[in-house]
Protein backbone atom coordinates (compact mmCIF):
# COMPACT_ATOMS: atom_id res chain seq x y z
CA MET A 1 -63.19 137.79 -37.38
CA GLY A 2 -65.06 134.65 -36.46
CA ASN A 3 -66.20 132.84 -39.55
CA THR A 4 -64.46 130.31 -41.76
CA ALA A 5 -63.83 132.81 -44.58
CA ASP A 6 -62.04 135.19 -42.20
CA PHE A 7 -59.73 132.44 -40.96
CA LYS A 8 -59.01 131.37 -44.55
CA GLU A 9 -57.33 134.73 -45.10
CA LEU A 10 -55.34 134.48 -41.88
CA PHE A 11 -54.00 131.01 -42.68
CA LEU A 12 -53.57 131.17 -46.45
CA GLU A 13 -53.01 134.90 -47.09
CA PRO A 14 -51.29 136.19 -43.93
CA ARG A 15 -49.80 139.68 -44.05
CA SER A 16 -47.49 138.81 -41.18
CA VAL A 17 -46.32 135.56 -39.59
CA ALA A 18 -44.38 134.61 -36.46
CA PHE A 19 -42.41 131.37 -36.15
CA VAL A 20 -41.86 130.03 -32.65
CA GLY A 21 -39.13 127.42 -32.27
CA VAL A 22 -37.31 127.45 -35.63
CA PRO A 23 -33.71 126.13 -35.46
CA ARG A 24 -31.03 128.74 -35.02
CA GLU A 25 -28.71 127.35 -37.68
CA ALA A 26 -29.62 127.49 -41.37
CA ARG A 27 -30.49 124.01 -42.61
CA ALA A 28 -32.78 122.21 -45.00
CA LEU A 29 -35.56 121.49 -42.51
CA SER A 30 -36.62 125.06 -41.85
CA PRO A 31 -39.61 127.05 -43.15
CA LEU A 32 -37.38 130.11 -43.55
CA GLY A 33 -35.61 128.58 -46.54
CA ASN A 34 -38.89 128.15 -48.38
CA LEU A 35 -39.99 131.72 -47.63
CA LEU A 36 -36.67 133.09 -48.87
CA ARG A 37 -36.79 131.05 -52.08
CA TRP A 38 -40.46 131.74 -52.70
CA GLY A 39 -40.18 135.49 -52.21
CA TYR A 40 -42.88 135.90 -49.56
CA GLY A 41 -43.66 139.60 -49.31
CA GLY A 42 -45.23 139.71 -45.84
CA LYS A 43 -43.57 140.43 -42.52
CA VAL A 44 -41.71 137.53 -40.88
CA GLN A 45 -40.73 137.51 -37.20
CA LEU A 46 -39.17 134.81 -35.07
CA VAL A 47 -39.37 133.86 -31.41
CA HIS A 48 -36.24 132.23 -30.02
CA PRO A 49 -34.95 132.22 -26.42
CA HIS A 50 -31.34 132.95 -27.40
CA ALA A 51 -30.92 134.11 -31.03
CA ARG A 52 -31.70 137.67 -32.12
CA GLU A 53 -31.41 137.06 -35.84
CA ILE A 54 -31.80 133.86 -37.88
CA GLN A 55 -31.20 133.71 -41.65
CA GLY A 56 -31.72 137.47 -41.90
CA PHE A 57 -34.98 137.55 -39.93
CA ARG A 58 -35.36 139.40 -36.62
CA ALA A 59 -35.88 137.22 -33.54
CA VAL A 60 -37.21 138.14 -30.08
CA PRO A 61 -37.16 136.07 -26.87
CA LYS A 62 -40.90 136.23 -26.14
CA VAL A 63 -44.15 136.24 -28.09
CA SER A 64 -45.18 139.38 -26.23
CA GLU A 65 -42.24 141.25 -27.79
CA LEU A 66 -43.37 140.69 -31.40
CA GLU A 67 -43.92 143.93 -33.29
CA GLY A 68 -47.33 145.03 -34.50
CA GLU A 69 -50.21 142.80 -35.51
CA VAL A 70 -49.44 139.18 -36.38
CA ASP A 71 -51.92 137.22 -38.51
CA LEU A 72 -50.48 133.73 -38.05
CA ALA A 73 -48.23 131.94 -35.56
CA VAL A 74 -46.37 128.74 -36.44
CA ILE A 75 -45.26 126.76 -33.40
CA SER A 76 -42.58 124.07 -33.43
CA SER A 77 -41.32 124.29 -29.84
CA PRO A 78 -41.12 121.16 -27.58
CA ARG A 79 -44.57 119.63 -27.18
CA GLU A 80 -44.90 120.30 -23.46
CA THR A 81 -44.47 124.04 -24.11
CA VAL A 82 -47.11 124.32 -26.84
CA PRO A 83 -50.24 125.02 -24.72
CA GLY A 84 -48.36 127.82 -22.94
CA VAL A 85 -47.09 129.28 -26.20
CA ILE A 86 -50.63 129.26 -27.61
CA SER A 87 -51.82 131.19 -24.56
CA GLN A 88 -49.07 133.76 -25.17
CA CYS A 89 -50.15 134.05 -28.81
CA LEU A 90 -53.73 134.66 -27.75
CA ASP A 91 -52.60 137.32 -25.30
CA LYS A 92 -50.85 138.97 -28.23
CA GLY A 93 -54.04 138.83 -30.30
CA ILE A 94 -52.90 136.07 -32.66
CA ARG A 95 -55.90 133.88 -33.44
CA ALA A 96 -54.63 131.68 -36.29
CA ILE A 97 -52.10 129.06 -35.17
CA VAL A 98 -50.24 126.17 -36.82
CA VAL A 99 -48.64 123.51 -34.61
CA THR A 100 -46.14 121.48 -36.62
CA ASN A 101 -44.83 119.06 -33.95
CA GLN A 102 -45.62 115.39 -33.64
CA GLY A 103 -46.23 113.67 -30.33
CA PHE A 104 -49.78 114.72 -29.50
CA GLY A 105 -52.97 112.80 -30.38
CA ASP A 106 -50.81 110.59 -32.60
CA ALA A 107 -48.71 109.44 -29.61
CA ASP A 108 -48.93 108.56 -25.91
CA PRO A 109 -51.43 109.54 -23.18
CA MET A 110 -49.43 112.66 -22.36
CA GLY A 111 -49.53 113.73 -25.99
CA ARG A 112 -53.27 113.19 -26.16
CA SER A 113 -53.70 115.25 -22.99
CA LEU A 114 -51.62 118.07 -24.48
CA GLN A 115 -53.73 118.01 -27.65
CA GLU A 116 -56.90 118.28 -25.57
CA ALA A 117 -55.39 121.26 -23.77
CA ILE A 118 -54.60 122.95 -27.10
CA LEU A 119 -58.17 122.52 -28.25
CA GLU A 120 -59.64 123.74 -24.97
CA ILE A 121 -57.51 126.89 -24.88
CA SER A 122 -58.18 127.80 -28.51
CA ARG A 123 -61.94 127.26 -28.27
CA GLU A 124 -62.26 129.25 -25.06
CA ARG A 125 -60.61 132.26 -26.66
CA GLY A 126 -61.88 132.14 -30.25
CA ALA A 127 -58.72 130.93 -31.99
CA ARG A 128 -58.34 128.22 -34.63
CA VAL A 129 -55.51 125.68 -34.71
CA LEU A 130 -54.16 123.68 -37.64
CA GLY A 131 -52.41 120.47 -36.61
CA PRO A 132 -50.57 119.31 -34.60
CA ASN A 133 -48.30 117.04 -36.68
CA THR A 134 -48.54 119.08 -39.88
CA LEU A 135 -46.57 120.92 -42.53
CA GLY A 136 -49.30 123.54 -42.37
CA VAL A 137 -50.36 125.55 -45.40
CA VAL A 138 -49.10 126.29 -48.90
CA ASN A 139 -50.02 129.22 -51.13
CA SER A 140 -48.04 129.02 -54.35
CA PHE A 141 -49.83 132.08 -55.72
CA SER A 142 -48.62 134.45 -53.00
CA GLY A 143 -45.34 132.69 -52.22
CA PHE A 144 -46.26 131.70 -48.67
CA THR A 145 -45.86 128.38 -46.87
CA THR A 146 -45.31 127.19 -43.30
CA SER A 147 -43.70 123.93 -44.44
CA PHE A 148 -40.31 123.04 -42.96
CA MET A 149 -39.78 120.54 -45.79
CA PRO A 150 -38.23 122.01 -48.97
CA LEU A 151 -40.94 122.66 -51.56
CA GLU A 152 -41.02 123.75 -55.18
CA ARG A 153 -43.23 126.75 -55.81
CA LYS A 154 -45.43 126.14 -58.83
CA GLU A 155 -48.78 127.80 -59.35
CA SER A 156 -51.46 125.25 -60.12
CA PRO A 157 -55.28 125.23 -60.23
CA VAL A 158 -55.28 122.23 -57.85
CA GLY A 159 -56.19 122.70 -54.20
CA VAL A 160 -54.84 119.98 -51.92
CA ILE A 161 -56.23 118.87 -48.55
CA CYS A 162 -54.40 116.04 -46.82
CA GLN A 163 -53.73 114.22 -43.57
CA SER A 164 -50.16 113.31 -44.48
CA GLY A 165 -47.29 115.56 -45.49
CA ILE A 166 -46.25 113.34 -48.40
CA PHE A 167 -49.10 114.83 -50.43
CA VAL A 168 -47.62 118.29 -49.87
CA VAL A 169 -43.97 117.40 -50.45
CA ASP A 170 -44.73 115.42 -53.63
CA ALA A 171 -47.94 117.12 -54.70
CA GLY A 172 -46.89 117.30 -58.34
CA HIS A 173 -46.60 113.54 -58.72
CA LEU A 174 -49.25 112.45 -56.23
CA MET A 175 -51.98 115.09 -56.65
CA GLY A 176 -51.31 116.67 -60.04
CA GLY A 177 -50.03 119.94 -58.57
CA MET A 178 -50.77 122.31 -55.70
CA GLY A 179 -51.69 125.97 -55.88
CA LEU A 180 -53.19 126.00 -52.39
CA GLY A 181 -52.58 123.28 -49.81
CA VAL A 182 -53.79 122.49 -46.31
CA ASP A 183 -52.13 119.66 -44.37
CA LEU A 184 -54.56 118.89 -41.54
CA GLY A 185 -52.20 116.66 -39.59
CA ASN A 186 -54.02 115.40 -36.51
CA GLY A 187 -56.90 117.78 -37.22
CA CYS A 188 -57.56 118.54 -33.56
CA ASP A 189 -59.46 121.72 -34.51
CA LEU A 190 -59.48 122.70 -38.18
CA GLY A 191 -60.56 119.71 -40.24
CA LEU A 192 -61.75 118.52 -43.62
CA ALA A 193 -64.99 120.51 -43.44
CA ASP A 194 -63.13 123.78 -42.81
CA ALA A 195 -60.51 123.19 -45.51
CA ILE A 196 -62.99 122.23 -48.23
CA ASP A 197 -64.95 125.39 -47.41
CA TRP A 198 -61.81 127.46 -48.01
CA LEU A 199 -60.92 125.84 -51.33
CA ALA A 200 -64.49 125.68 -52.66
CA VAL A 201 -64.80 129.47 -52.73
CA ASP A 202 -61.32 130.20 -54.12
CA GLU A 203 -61.60 130.91 -57.84
CA ARG A 204 -57.94 130.07 -58.41
CA VAL A 205 -58.71 126.45 -57.52
CA LYS A 206 -60.40 124.49 -60.32
CA VAL A 207 -60.12 121.01 -58.77
CA ILE A 208 -59.87 119.91 -55.13
CA ALA A 209 -57.75 116.83 -54.35
CA ILE A 210 -58.17 115.25 -50.91
CA HIS A 211 -56.28 112.58 -49.00
CA ALA A 212 -58.22 111.46 -45.92
CA GLU A 213 -57.45 108.72 -43.43
CA GLY A 214 -60.58 109.40 -41.42
CA ILE A 215 -63.58 111.74 -41.64
CA PRO A 216 -64.26 112.83 -38.04
CA GLN A 217 -66.51 115.77 -39.09
CA GLY A 218 -68.57 113.34 -41.15
CA ARG A 219 -71.97 115.01 -41.38
CA GLU A 220 -70.61 118.55 -41.72
CA PHE A 221 -67.96 117.49 -44.20
CA MET A 222 -70.43 115.67 -46.46
CA GLU A 223 -72.75 118.66 -46.58
CA LYS A 224 -69.90 121.05 -47.42
CA ALA A 225 -68.42 118.58 -49.91
CA PHE A 226 -71.79 118.43 -51.65
CA ARG A 227 -71.84 122.21 -52.04
CA ALA A 228 -68.21 122.22 -53.20
CA SER A 229 -68.90 119.51 -55.80
CA LEU A 230 -71.61 121.65 -57.34
CA LYS A 231 -68.90 124.24 -58.09
CA LYS A 232 -65.89 122.12 -59.02
CA PRO A 233 -64.69 118.49 -59.06
CA VAL A 234 -63.55 117.06 -55.72
CA VAL A 235 -61.32 113.97 -55.97
CA ILE A 236 -60.72 112.00 -52.76
CA LEU A 237 -58.27 109.25 -51.86
CA LYS A 238 -59.85 107.73 -48.75
CA THR A 239 -57.40 105.40 -47.03
CA GLY A 240 -57.65 103.35 -43.85
CA ARG A 241 -60.19 101.01 -45.46
CA THR A 242 -58.97 97.74 -43.97
CA PRO A 243 -58.58 96.76 -40.28
CA HIS A 244 -54.80 97.10 -40.52
CA GLY A 245 -55.11 100.40 -42.40
CA MET A 246 -57.53 101.78 -39.80
CA LYS A 247 -55.16 100.81 -36.99
CA ALA A 248 -52.24 102.54 -38.72
CA ALA A 249 -54.34 105.68 -39.33
CA LEU A 250 -55.13 105.86 -35.61
CA SER A 251 -51.42 105.83 -34.71
CA HIS A 252 -50.44 108.16 -37.57
CA THR A 253 -52.80 111.09 -37.04
CA GLY A 254 -55.29 109.79 -34.49
CA SER A 255 -57.90 109.45 -37.25
CA ILE A 256 -60.76 107.00 -36.81
CA SER A 257 -62.24 105.45 -39.95
CA GLY A 258 -65.82 104.20 -40.06
CA ASP A 259 -67.45 101.45 -42.12
CA ASP A 260 -65.93 101.89 -45.58
CA LYS A 261 -69.04 100.79 -47.50
CA LEU A 262 -71.17 103.39 -45.75
CA ILE A 263 -68.53 106.07 -46.23
CA ASP A 264 -68.25 105.15 -49.91
CA GLY A 265 -72.00 105.60 -50.40
CA ALA A 266 -71.97 108.97 -48.64
CA LEU A 267 -69.03 110.19 -50.73
CA LYS A 268 -70.83 109.26 -53.94
CA ARG A 269 -74.05 110.98 -52.88
CA ALA A 270 -72.07 114.11 -52.06
CA GLY A 271 -70.62 114.09 -55.58
CA LEU A 272 -67.03 113.30 -54.66
CA VAL A 273 -64.93 111.27 -57.08
CA ARG A 274 -63.42 108.50 -54.98
CA VAL A 275 -60.06 107.04 -55.98
CA ARG A 276 -58.77 103.86 -54.36
CA ARG A 277 -55.17 103.85 -55.61
CA SER A 278 -52.68 106.64 -54.95
CA ASP A 279 -51.20 106.25 -58.44
CA ASP A 280 -54.57 107.07 -60.02
CA VAL A 281 -55.11 110.42 -58.27
CA ARG A 282 -52.73 112.49 -60.39
CA ASP A 283 -54.17 111.51 -63.76
CA ILE A 284 -57.77 111.86 -62.64
CA VAL A 285 -57.10 115.30 -61.17
CA LEU A 286 -55.24 116.41 -64.31
CA SER A 287 -58.08 115.17 -66.50
CA PHE A 288 -60.39 117.65 -64.75
CA VAL A 289 -57.78 120.41 -65.05
CA LYS A 290 -56.86 119.88 -68.69
CA LEU A 291 -59.68 118.14 -70.53
CA PRO A 292 -63.20 119.22 -71.54
CA ALA A 293 -66.18 117.83 -69.64
CA MET A 294 -67.43 114.38 -70.62
CA ARG A 295 -71.07 114.48 -71.69
CA GLY A 296 -71.76 110.76 -71.77
CA PRO A 297 -70.23 107.28 -71.30
CA ARG A 298 -69.58 106.50 -74.98
CA VAL A 299 -65.90 106.06 -75.85
CA ALA A 300 -64.21 105.57 -79.22
CA MET A 301 -60.71 104.19 -79.63
CA VAL A 302 -58.28 104.86 -82.47
CA THR A 303 -55.74 102.05 -82.41
CA PHE A 304 -53.11 100.10 -84.32
CA THR A 305 -53.69 97.00 -82.25
CA GLY A 306 -56.76 94.82 -81.86
CA GLY A 307 -55.30 93.42 -78.64
CA GLY A 308 -55.15 96.88 -77.13
CA GLY A 309 -58.76 97.46 -78.08
CA ILE A 310 -59.85 94.39 -76.15
CA ILE A 311 -57.89 95.50 -73.07
CA LEU A 312 -59.63 98.88 -73.16
CA LEU A 313 -63.11 97.39 -73.68
CA ASP A 314 -62.67 95.12 -70.64
CA ALA A 315 -61.46 98.04 -68.53
CA MET A 316 -64.27 100.32 -69.68
CA ALA A 317 -66.90 97.82 -68.58
CA LEU A 318 -65.56 98.03 -65.01
CA GLU A 319 -65.76 101.85 -65.01
CA GLY A 320 -69.33 102.34 -66.22
CA LEU A 321 -68.30 103.21 -69.77
CA GLU A 322 -69.44 101.76 -73.07
CA PRO A 323 -68.00 101.52 -76.59
CA ALA A 324 -69.47 104.20 -78.84
CA ASN A 325 -71.75 102.98 -81.62
CA LEU A 326 -70.12 104.94 -84.43
CA GLY A 327 -72.28 107.04 -86.71
CA GLN A 328 -72.26 106.84 -90.50
CA GLY A 329 -69.71 109.64 -90.88
CA ALA A 330 -67.09 107.91 -88.72
CA ILE A 331 -67.76 104.55 -90.39
CA ARG A 332 -67.37 106.15 -93.83
CA ALA A 333 -64.09 107.84 -92.87
CA LEU A 334 -62.69 104.57 -91.56
CA LYS A 335 -63.77 102.64 -94.66
CA GLU A 336 -62.09 105.20 -96.92
CA VAL A 337 -58.66 104.41 -95.47
CA SER A 338 -59.20 100.67 -94.91
CA PRO A 339 -58.84 97.83 -97.42
CA PRO A 340 -62.14 96.35 -98.69
CA TRP A 341 -61.70 93.16 -96.69
CA MET A 342 -61.30 95.04 -93.38
CA PRO A 343 -64.31 94.94 -91.00
CA VAL A 344 -64.71 98.42 -89.51
CA GLY A 345 -66.14 99.50 -86.18
CA ASN A 346 -65.09 100.60 -82.70
CA PRO A 347 -62.27 100.12 -81.70
CA MET A 348 -61.17 101.82 -84.92
CA ASP A 349 -58.23 99.68 -86.08
CA ILE A 350 -56.29 101.85 -88.53
CA TRP A 351 -53.09 99.84 -89.03
CA PRO A 352 -54.03 98.51 -92.50
CA GLY A 353 -54.87 102.10 -93.48
CA VAL A 354 -51.51 103.32 -92.16
CA MET A 355 -49.73 100.72 -94.29
CA LYS A 356 -51.57 101.93 -97.39
CA HIS A 357 -51.97 105.70 -96.91
CA GLY A 358 -49.40 106.63 -94.26
CA MET A 359 -49.77 107.64 -90.61
CA VAL A 360 -50.72 111.31 -90.89
CA ARG A 361 -53.54 110.97 -93.43
CA THR A 362 -55.02 107.87 -91.83
CA TYR A 363 -54.89 109.13 -88.25
CA ARG A 364 -56.16 112.59 -89.14
CA SER A 365 -59.24 111.45 -91.07
CA THR A 366 -60.16 108.77 -88.53
CA LEU A 367 -59.68 110.80 -85.36
CA LYS A 368 -61.38 113.86 -86.86
CA ALA A 369 -64.42 111.77 -87.75
CA ALA A 370 -64.55 110.23 -84.28
CA LEU A 371 -64.38 113.61 -82.56
CA GLU A 372 -67.10 115.02 -84.81
CA ASP A 373 -69.39 112.03 -84.27
CA PRO A 374 -72.32 113.03 -81.99
CA GLN A 375 -72.44 109.44 -80.73
CA VAL A 376 -68.91 109.70 -79.29
CA ASP A 377 -68.28 111.37 -75.91
CA ALA A 378 -64.51 110.77 -75.58
CA VAL A 379 -61.65 109.23 -77.54
CA VAL A 380 -58.69 107.12 -76.47
CA CYS A 381 -55.81 107.31 -78.95
CA VAL A 382 -53.06 104.73 -79.30
CA ALA A 383 -49.72 106.15 -80.47
CA LEU A 384 -46.29 104.70 -81.14
CA ALA A 385 -43.32 106.00 -79.15
CA LEU A 386 -40.26 105.25 -81.28
CA PRO A 387 -36.65 106.53 -81.20
CA ALA A 388 -36.08 109.73 -83.18
CA HIS A 389 -33.49 108.11 -85.43
CA TRP A 390 -36.22 105.82 -86.79
CA GLY A 391 -37.74 108.87 -88.44
CA SER A 392 -41.15 110.52 -88.10
CA GLU A 393 -43.07 108.34 -90.54
CA LEU A 394 -44.98 106.61 -87.73
CA ASP A 395 -45.39 109.66 -85.48
CA SER A 396 -49.04 110.55 -84.86
CA LEU A 397 -48.67 112.85 -81.86
CA GLU A 398 -48.77 116.13 -83.80
CA VAL A 399 -52.03 115.14 -85.49
CA ILE A 400 -53.56 114.07 -82.18
CA ARG A 401 -52.45 117.32 -80.54
CA GLU A 402 -53.87 119.46 -83.34
CA LEU A 403 -57.30 117.79 -83.36
CA ALA A 404 -57.59 117.57 -79.56
CA GLU A 405 -56.92 121.31 -79.29
CA LYS A 406 -59.92 122.04 -81.52
CA SER A 407 -62.29 119.56 -79.89
CA GLN A 408 -64.67 119.89 -76.96
CA LYS A 409 -64.33 116.21 -76.10
CA PRO A 410 -61.73 114.56 -73.85
CA VAL A 411 -58.82 112.93 -75.68
CA LEU A 412 -56.40 110.56 -73.92
CA VAL A 413 -53.25 109.07 -75.41
CA TRP A 414 -51.66 105.73 -74.59
CA PHE A 415 -48.18 105.18 -76.00
CA TYR A 416 -46.36 101.95 -76.61
CA GLY A 417 -42.79 101.53 -77.77
CA PRO A 418 -39.26 102.03 -76.40
CA GLU A 419 -39.63 105.82 -75.96
CA LYS A 420 -42.90 105.69 -74.01
CA GLU A 421 -41.62 107.64 -70.99
CA GLU A 422 -40.21 110.41 -73.17
CA ALA A 423 -43.47 110.63 -75.10
CA LEU A 424 -45.46 110.98 -71.86
CA ARG A 425 -43.05 113.68 -70.70
CA ARG A 426 -43.66 115.63 -73.92
CA LEU A 427 -47.38 115.71 -73.17
CA ARG A 428 -47.14 117.12 -69.65
CA GLY A 429 -47.31 120.71 -70.80
CA GLU A 430 -50.29 120.19 -73.11
CA GLU A 431 -53.50 121.91 -72.06
CA LYS A 432 -56.10 119.72 -73.79
CA LEU A 433 -54.36 116.37 -74.01
CA LEU A 434 -53.48 113.82 -71.35
CA GLY A 435 -51.10 110.88 -71.66
CA VAL A 436 -51.73 107.78 -69.56
CA GLU A 437 -49.48 104.87 -68.66
CA SER A 438 -51.98 102.11 -69.42
CA LEU A 439 -55.28 101.47 -71.15
CA GLU A 440 -56.75 100.52 -67.78
CA LYS A 441 -55.72 103.97 -66.52
CA ALA A 442 -57.46 105.55 -69.51
CA ALA A 443 -60.68 103.80 -68.55
CA LYS A 444 -60.34 104.87 -64.90
CA VAL A 445 -59.79 108.50 -65.87
CA LEU A 446 -62.76 108.65 -68.24
CA GLY A 447 -64.92 106.70 -65.81
CA ALA A 448 -64.15 109.26 -63.10
CA LYS A 449 -64.95 112.18 -65.39
CA TRP A 450 -68.24 110.66 -66.47
CA SER A 451 -69.27 109.76 -62.90
CA TYR A 452 -68.85 113.40 -61.87
CA GLU A 453 -70.71 114.80 -64.88
CA ARG A 454 -73.51 112.27 -64.40
CA TRP A 455 -73.82 113.28 -60.73
CA LYS A 456 -74.05 116.95 -61.72
CA LEU A 457 -76.84 116.15 -64.17
CA GLU A 458 -78.72 114.38 -61.39
CA GLN A 459 -78.58 117.54 -59.24
CA ARG A 460 -80.56 119.63 -61.70
CA ASP A 461 -83.75 118.74 -59.84
CA GLY A 462 -82.53 120.94 -56.97
CA SER A 463 -81.56 118.12 -54.63
CA SER A 464 -79.48 118.84 -51.56
CA PHE A 465 -77.29 116.53 -49.55
CA THR A 466 -79.69 116.81 -46.62
CA ARG A 467 -82.57 115.53 -48.72
CA ILE A 468 -80.48 112.75 -50.21
CA ARG A 469 -78.98 111.54 -46.97
CA PRO A 470 -80.86 112.13 -43.72
CA SER A 471 -78.11 110.64 -41.54
CA SER A 472 -74.34 110.28 -41.78
CA PRO A 473 -72.32 107.08 -41.45
CA CYS A 474 -69.16 108.97 -40.62
CA GLY A 475 -69.90 110.50 -37.27
């Protein structure tokens, strides 16, 4: 077992795992609690100098006394003991190792020396190490994780790669979910290039979401990211862009960030969808999970408010999108529900039609025409979010849901009104509909989808990353 694919199985699908250094007493910060809750079906053994049983799991005093073959070792013993423990694991034949502790390359000279020793030992003897300073791995499909932080198990088509544990602990809000997850931590051995290789070939993962403070395997990562992007969308939040951010990244995980403009260009050439704000990642990832592909930059808007239309048009211009030039069918449908004095176009202002014909008829005919228009690539819908006791007369969500389900075009919904948060919550379980918190967010989401689809179209000439970029700015 020497290649990346082999180690993927050992880290993400282990049949047996040994934990070295877990606390004796049952408490929240222990990986054993997660494994018990998640129902992991593999063999779990513990190494502890004094205890012989912890939370129902057998414990032995030495690594050499572990029973049978062990696929993965998870080490959380004091940092000065870690190189020695890794040597013991290698003597036992364990070649996949997670080191969870802090205090290595992210710390003082002694820590950096210990991290170098870890890398030297593992490379000499053909092992691979994840970490240090990591929560490790998550496999929601099989019920396995090495995380000592409490996690909710929820199967998701999102694969997460990160250099900070917050994106594991709060993956649902920050990354849109997590079926498989790899927290690289300091990344002394296994890095971005290895992790993206693992997730690119896993058919359970439909979208890869990455948080990266630095890209130390720059050339290799960009080449593998290019190949991954040909298979599935890869969304990346690259932080450490400013001098202060780069300094903090160095102390956090030991990551070194290069010139951000050069990195940005390389990411785009490799087909990655770069996101600059953490609160944009979730919606962009979910748009790739839930919505059909976007075949062009032309966007229609069904709205009650001219002011909202202007906000969206301004935002679209910043994201490489353009207002759709509606065809005759859509214009005719809008005219049929509008008063004679009403100028019609895109944005499709339907409020006068709602006043005359009611919400359901007006919204249905207008949205249906927009979705059927060959000159429209995506639609942004405005909907009211009103208290239930006001009645359903102004509720358009059911019509939007029905038509979006039948369409092969992306449909986003922006709500306004006192029940906006509840309306967004109602949409979270929808498969072909995405609610967004602002019109600017709608433009960002659609801009990201179109940038990825446009990149894929450009690759039809058989280009490779090597041909596109002869040298790497990232090291």
